[in-house]
Amino acid sequence: MSISQDLAELVHGADIEALPSVGLDRARRAIYDCLACVLAGHGADPSRAVQSGMAISGGTGPVPVLGTDLTLAPGPAAFANGTAAHALDFDDNFVPGLTHASAVMVPTLISAASLGQDVTLGDLLAAYCAGLEVQAQIGRRMQPDHYAQGWHSTTTIGAVGAAAAAARLLRANVDEILAAMSIASSTAGGSKLQFGTPLKPAHAGLAARNGVTAACLAKSGLRGQAEFIEGDWGMIDLFGGPKAEPSDIESGRWAIETDGLWVKRFPCCGAAHKALDCIVDLCRQQPLNLDDVAQVTAFLPQMLADNLRFDVPKDASEARFSFSYPAALLIANDHLSLEDFTDREVCRSEIKAHLPKFTRQVVPTHSPTADSVQVEIALRSGRRLSHAVTFVAGSPEKPLDRQAMQRKVEDCLDFGGTADHEYWLSSLLDLGLDADIGDWLSRRPASGSPAVARIAAPTPTEAV
């Protein structure tokens, strides 16, 4: 069998009995984390634009756009919820795929759950793990070449994983799962050129919409090329990566167990996080203020340095793809919150005056996701501080503790004006595997129209 066929078989066989308990726990917590990000980001400008556009072009339906009073058809709702999940760049990363895995799959599964009957939490977790496995298996054959060429893997590899997850939740057979993934591969696109623009978070929404739509089309009989991964003009050919042998799907342990997910503790691009962890550790060794600092240098792999190209960001979107801005804030305030990544805060002159002190230096590496990142701080006193980080905070090797996770969720709900969702969201952690997901979704608090006053663009007097 081909890689594509093997993956379809793997997804079809995914069930609670086949998955390790640690994987199920990680999947549950990934969904919890992602929903908090949705509830934080529903009022961001990209989210509002997608909500309005989908209401016009996609029509109403049964699926809630979380944090709002809007309900849409499954595809448009997945687009809206996926955009909100990624709008503030606080959602998780998945290293094998180099994707924002949950921001694509959780909105996809919420929409797919509305199309079936008696969808349990166990069904949801199994489908999530299956979709993640697809992202891992394709990612291992295409990365890091695919991402380094400029493709946003969340929109390409992520869409195929989302289609597999949705098809699994819809109880598709093997042929239908294979068709769903093949259809989704034909929707794959999205350039890293859009990093730092409002379109970038919509990439996650596009992948979610494409995933649930592909599953529905496959269930309705649409078919595509079976060998969509490894065949001539398949994903590996078109998008980059080494050629794989016809059938080399790994068996046994699942990616949710072996790789896990990286839950963010900072609301900005993951490319900066190891360097920011260095800043935190150095400030713990010696309390600093920005006036003490002469220069800060982050030594980064090329791929990470390229993502952090906004050394003097003009707005919140660019600030999320900066090393200098969050690093300066960490030294000044000892923490980062979602409120720090608003246009108003980014334009504050107190921080901007220090940004030229912060520089990026590229170091040669063969493994941009696994190697350590080093930061050096030169003080005006002449003293030099240096620290390196290999495992980022929030990774399976260094998970966020309960207190840090609680702070993140509280920050999300406070920023999104959805503090009344805290009990409902937390109840997900205690649901039994046989709990009905539709019933759980129906018990969320009523939401009014989202307010965006806190995320609005700066007035002319505030702009630079």
Foldseek 3Di string as FASTA:
>chain_A
DFALLVLLVVLLPQFPVQADPLLLLLLLVLLLLLVLQQLQQCQFPLLVVLLVVCCVVFNADDFDSPQAQGHTQLLSSLLNSLLSSPQLQQAWAFPLLRASQCSQQSSLQSNLLVVDPQQFLRLLSRLSLSLSQQSNVLSNFFPPVLVVVFWHSCLASNLLSNLSSSLSSVSHHSQLNLFLSLQSNVRGGHGLVCQLHSCVSSSSSNSNSSNNVSSVVSVVPDGDDNNQRQDVVHCCNPRHGDHDDRDDRDDDHGCCPVWNMFRDLARADPLQQQVLVFLLVVCVVPQAALLFFQAKEKEAAPSSCVQQVCLLDQALSNLRSHNQQVSNCCSHPVGHFSLCRARLNSLDPVSNVRSVRYYYHYDDDDDRLQDKMKMWTQTPVRDIDMDIDGDGERTPVHRDDPVSSVVRSVRSCVSSVNPVQVVLSVCSSVDDRSHRPVVSVVPGDNHHHTDCPSRDHDDPVSGD
